[in-house]
Amino acid sequence: MGDLTSVAQISKLRVGQIYAASVMYGYFLKRLDQRFQLEKTMKNLPERLYPLTTSETLQRYATIRSREAVGIIEKNTETLFGKPEIVITPQVTTDSSKDEQIEISFGGMKRLVLEVVTFGSFLWDVENHVGEGTTLY
């Protein structure tokens, strides 16, 4: 990646997209780890790599389970980076002329992504904890 103190200009919209995707990635990793730990405890692990055999299985693990969690991700992203003002043109391209550019160091971007992946993992923990306390009749 090079010098972590180097600064680059990047679209605020793009940083917001990276932020939201990183939260979801942390959530996904925690969910996979939860499944791995369960199978390890049950001594049901495959002898080779842990399989995500179908795209449907992968999609299921990558899906945020509750509307509340989706809302938290959206509100956090919007609070930090603002509501995107983009227009989709008739040619199905985005006109992001109102999108501002921000300067961020590579080290700052790395820290942001790592912190947000951790946030996604915590989001899974909280959602799981709350889910344990509810009973459906």
C-alpha atoms as a PDB file:
ATOM      1  CA  MET A   1       0.000   0.000   0.000  1.00  0.00           C
ATOM      2  CA  GLY A   2       2.985   2.270   0.397  1.00  0.00           C
ATOM      3  CA  ASP A   3       3.414   5.182   2.754  1.00  0.00           C
ATOM      4  CA  LEU A   4       0.589   5.284   5.303  1.00  0.00           C
ATOM      5  CA  THR A   5       1.000   9.047   5.714  1.00  0.00           C
ATOM      6  CA  SER A   6       0.392   9.756   2.031  1.00  0.00           C
ATOM      7  CA  VAL A   7      -2.819  11.676   1.480  1.00  0.00           C
ATOM      8  CA  ALA A   8      -5.259  11.111  -1.355  1.00  0.00           C
ATOM      9  CA  GLN A   9      -8.442  12.822  -2.448  1.00  0.00           C
ATOM     10  CA  ILE A  10     -11.462  10.574  -2.556  1.00  0.00           C
ATOM     11  CA  SER A  11     -15.152  11.101  -3.090  1.00  0.00           C
ATOM     12  CA  LYS A  12     -17.131  11.440   0.139  1.00  0.00           C
ATOM     13  CA  LEU A  13     -19.765   9.188  -1.435  1.00  0.00           C
ATOM     14  CA  ARG A  14     -17.124   6.516  -2.104  1.00  0.00           C
ATOM     15  CA  VAL A  15     -15.861   6.659   1.500  1.00  0.00           C
ATOM     16  CA  GLY A  16     -19.461   6.255   2.673  1.00  0.00           C
ATOM     17  CA  GLN A  17     -19.858   3.206   0.442  1.00  0.00           C
ATOM     18  CA  ILE A  18     -16.607   1.741   1.787  1.00  0.00           C
ATOM     19  CA  TYR A  19     -17.829   2.438   5.326  1.00  0.00           C
ATOM     20  CA  ALA A  20     -21.163   0.644   4.826  1.00  0.00           C
ATOM     21  CA  ALA A  21     -19.540  -2.285   3.007  1.00  0.00           C
ATOM     22  CA  SER A  22     -16.962  -2.664   5.786  1.00  0.00           C
ATOM     23  CA  VAL A  23     -19.684  -2.796   8.472  1.00  0.00           C
ATOM     24  CA  MET A  24     -21.407  -5.524   6.493  1.00  0.00           C
ATOM     25  CA  TYR A  25     -18.114  -7.394   6.051  1.00  0.00           C
ATOM     26  CA  GLY A  26     -17.476  -7.359   9.816  1.00  0.00           C
ATOM     27  CA  TYR A  27     -21.012  -8.624  10.381  1.00  0.00           C
ATOM     28  CA  PHE A  28     -20.464 -11.379   7.794  1.00  0.00           C
ATOM     29  CA  LEU A  29     -17.142 -12.464   9.340  1.00  0.00           C
ATOM     30  CA  LYS A  30     -18.650 -12.657  12.823  1.00  0.00           C
ATOM     31  CA  ARG A  31     -21.566 -14.696  11.523  1.00  0.00           C
ATOM     32  CA  LEU A  32     -19.208 -17.141   9.793  1.00  0.00           C
ATOM     33  CA  ASP A  33     -17.043 -17.374  12.899  1.00  0.00           C
ATOM     34  CA  GLN A  34     -20.140 -18.151  14.973  1.00  0.00           C
ATOM     35  CA  ARG A  35     -20.990 -21.025  12.618  1.00  0.00           C
ATOM     36  CA  PHE A  36     -17.388 -22.263  12.596  1.00  0.00           C
ATOM     37  CA  GLN A  37     -17.246 -22.265  16.419  1.00  0.00           C
ATOM     38  CA  LEU A  38     -20.524 -24.197  16.591  1.00  0.00           C
ATOM     39  CA  GLU A  39     -19.309 -26.859  14.189  1.00  0.00           C
ATOM     40  CA  LYS A  40     -15.949 -27.026  15.968  1.00  0.00           C
ATOM     41  CA  THR A  41     -17.725 -27.603  19.289  1.00  0.00           C
ATOM     42  CA  MET A  42     -19.851 -30.327  17.723  1.00  0.00           C
ATOM     43  CA  LYS A  43     -16.723 -31.842  16.130  1.00  0.00           C
ATOM     44  CA  ASN A  44     -18.418 -31.533  12.762  1.00  0.00           C
ATOM     45  CA  LEU A  45     -15.676 -29.704  10.863  1.00  0.00           C
ATOM     46  CA  PRO A  46     -14.789 -30.707   7.322  1.00  0.00           C
ATOM     47  CA  GLU A  47     -11.260 -32.020   6.822  1.00  0.00           C
ATOM     48  CA  ARG A  48     -10.467 -29.369   4.228  1.00  0.00           C
ATOM     49  CA  LEU A  49     -11.349 -25.726   3.857  1.00  0.00           C
ATOM     50  CA  TYR A  50     -14.593 -24.575   5.416  1.00  0.00           C
ATOM     51  CA  PRO A  51     -17.113 -24.811   2.576  1.00  0.00           C
ATOM     52  CA  LEU A  52     -19.592 -22.172   1.547  1.00  0.00           C
ATOM     53  CA  THR A  53     -20.846 -24.506  -1.090  1.00  0.00           C
ATOM     54  CA  THR A  54     -23.462 -22.418  -2.828  1.00  0.00           C
ATOM     55  CA  SER A  55     -23.986 -18.783  -3.610  1.00  0.00           C
ATOM     56  CA  GLU A  56     -27.269 -19.067  -1.684  1.00  0.00           C
ATOM     57  CA  THR A  57     -25.370 -20.101   1.460  1.00  0.00           C
ATOM     58  CA  LEU A  58     -22.940 -17.253   0.995  1.00  0.00           C
ATOM     59  CA  GLN A  59     -25.822 -14.815   0.438  1.00  0.00           C
ATOM     60  CA  ARG A  60     -27.588 -16.039   3.572  1.00  0.00           C
ATOM     61  CA  TYR A  61     -24.500 -15.392   5.712  1.00  0.00           C
ATOM     62  CA  ALA A  62     -23.970 -11.985   4.116  1.00  0.00           C
ATOM     63  CA  THR A  63     -27.543 -10.818   4.769  1.00  0.00           C
ATOM     64  CA  ILE A  64     -28.188  -8.502   7.692  1.00  0.00           C
ATOM     65  CA  ARG A  65     -30.858 -10.229   9.802  1.00  0.00           C
ATOM     66  CA  SER A  66     -32.919  -7.303  11.058  1.00  0.00           C
ATOM     67  CA  ARG A  67     -34.313  -4.032   9.769  1.00  0.00           C
ATOM     68  CA  GLU A  68     -32.991  -2.378  12.915  1.00  0.00           C
ATOM     69  CA  ALA A  69     -29.407  -3.359  12.088  1.00  0.00           C
ATOM     70  CA  VAL A  70     -29.833  -2.113   8.510  1.00  0.00           C
ATOM     71  CA  GLY A  71     -31.226   1.140   9.918  1.00  0.00           C
ATOM     72  CA  ILE A  72     -28.242   1.527  12.256  1.00  0.00           C
ATOM     73  CA  ILE A  73     -25.811   1.046   9.378  1.00  0.00           C
ATOM     74  CA  GLU A  74     -27.699   3.554   7.205  1.00  0.00           C
ATOM     75  CA  LYS A  75     -28.002   6.153   9.988  1.00  0.00           C
ATOM     76  CA  ASN A  76     -24.331   5.856  10.977  1.00  0.00           C
ATOM     77  CA  THR A  77     -23.216   6.181   7.374  1.00  0.00           C
ATOM     78  CA  GLU A  78     -25.506   9.148   6.752  1.00  0.00           C
ATOM     79  CA  THR A  79     -24.465  10.861  10.000  1.00  0.00           C
ATOM     80  CA  LEU A  80     -20.778  10.569   9.178  1.00  0.00           C
ATOM     81  CA  PHE A  81     -20.835  11.198   5.434  1.00  0.00           C
ATOM     82  CA  GLY A  82     -24.122  12.974   4.781  1.00  0.00           C
ATOM     83  CA  LYS A  83     -26.993  11.989   2.572  1.00  0.00           C
ATOM     84  CA  PRO A  84     -25.684  11.459  -0.954  1.00  0.00           C
ATOM     85  CA  GLU A  85     -26.953  13.939  -3.506  1.00  0.00           C
ATOM     86  CA  ILE A  86     -26.623  11.989  -6.715  1.00  0.00           C
ATOM     87  CA  VAL A  87     -28.848  11.943  -9.744  1.00  0.00           C
ATOM     88  CA  ILE A  88     -29.271   8.984 -12.050  1.00  0.00           C
ATOM     89  CA  THR A  89     -29.242  10.251 -15.617  1.00  0.00           C
ATOM     90  CA  PRO A  90     -31.298   8.806 -18.501  1.00  0.00           C
ATOM     91  CA  GLN A  91     -28.125   7.002 -19.616  1.00  0.00           C
ATOM     92  CA  VAL A  92     -28.223   5.159 -16.247  1.00  0.00           C
ATOM     93  CA  THR A  93     -25.075   6.809 -14.975  1.00  0.00           C
ATOM     94  CA  THR A  94     -24.720   8.776 -11.788  1.00  0.00           C
ATOM     95  CA  ASP A  95     -24.131  12.502 -11.798  1.00  0.00           C
ATOM     96  CA  SER A  96     -22.144  13.046  -8.659  1.00  0.00           C
ATOM     97  CA  SER A  97     -21.175  16.637  -9.420  1.00  0.00           C
ATOM     98  CA  LYS A  98     -22.445  17.669  -5.977  1.00  0.00           C
ATOM     99  CA  ASP A  99     -20.310  15.025  -4.269  1.00  0.00           C
ATOM    100  CA  GLU A 100     -17.468  16.656  -2.394  1.00  0.00           C
ATOM    101  CA  GLN A 101     -13.927  15.366  -2.318  1.00  0.00           C
ATOM    102  CA  ILE A 102     -12.213  14.737   0.992  1.00  0.00           C
ATOM    103  CA  GLU A 103      -8.566  14.183   1.788  1.00  0.00           C
ATOM    104  CA  ILE A 104      -7.627  11.139   3.814  1.00  0.00           C
ATOM    105  CA  SER A 105      -4.312   9.458   4.484  1.00  0.00           C
ATOM    106  CA  PHE A 106      -3.859   5.814   3.621  1.00  0.00           C
ATOM    107  CA  GLY A 107      -3.274   5.152   7.318  1.00  0.00           C
ATOM    108  CA  GLY A 108      -6.505   6.971   8.158  1.00  0.00           C
ATOM    109  CA  MET A 109      -8.413   4.919   5.620  1.00  0.00           C
ATOM    110  CA  LYS A 110      -6.897   1.717   6.989  1.00  0.00           C
ATOM    111  CA  ARG A 111      -7.917   2.674  10.551  1.00  0.00           C
ATOM    112  CA  LEU A 112     -11.412   3.598   9.389  1.00  0.00           C
ATOM    113  CA  VAL A 113     -11.935   0.249   7.673  1.00  0.00           C
ATOM    114  CA  LEU A 114     -10.562  -1.758  10.617  1.00  0.00           C
ATOM    115  CA  GLU A 115     -12.709   0.124  13.138  1.00  0.00           C
ATOM    116  CA  VAL A 116     -15.803  -0.274  11.003  1.00  0.00           C
ATOM    117  CA  VAL A 117     -15.244  -4.013  10.449  1.00  0.00           C
ATOM    118  CA  THR A 118     -15.061  -4.273  14.253  1.00  0.00           C
ATOM    119  CA  PHE A 119     -18.295  -2.280  14.520  1.00  0.00           C
ATOM    120  CA  GLY A 120     -19.978  -4.752  12.150  1.00  0.00           C
ATOM    121  CA  SER A 121     -18.816  -7.615  14.349  1.00  0.00           C
ATOM    122  CA  PHE A 122     -20.218  -5.886  17.452  1.00  0.00           C
ATOM    123  CA  LEU A 123     -23.469  -5.251  15.600  1.00  0.00           C
ATOM    124  CA  TRP A 124     -23.801  -9.004  15.046  1.00  0.00           C
ATOM    125  CA  ASP A 125     -23.115  -9.639  18.764  1.00  0.00           C
ATOM    126  CA  VAL A 126     -25.754  -7.142  19.880  1.00  0.00           C
ATOM    127  CA  GLU A 127     -28.309  -8.410  17.390  1.00  0.00           C
ATOM    128  CA  ASN A 128     -27.622 -11.986  18.497  1.00  0.00           C
ATOM    129  CA  HIS A 129     -27.888 -11.051  22.196  1.00  0.00           C
ATOM    130  CA  VAL A 130     -31.183  -9.220  21.669  1.00  0.00           C
ATOM    131  CA  GLY A 131     -32.487 -12.132  19.598  1.00  0.00           C
ATOM    132  CA  GLU A 132     -31.780 -14.546  22.463  1.00  0.00           C
ATOM    133  CA  GLY A 133     -34.037 -12.526  24.752  1.00  0.00           C
ATOM    134  CA  THR A 134     -37.108 -12.620  22.531  1.00  0.00           C
ATOM    135  CA  THR A 135     -39.560 -15.463  22.252  1.00  0.00           C
ATOM    136  CA  LEU A 136     -41.835 -15.926  19.284  1.00  0.00           C
ATOM    137  CA  TYR A 137     -45.212 -17.545  19.894  1.00  0.00           C
END
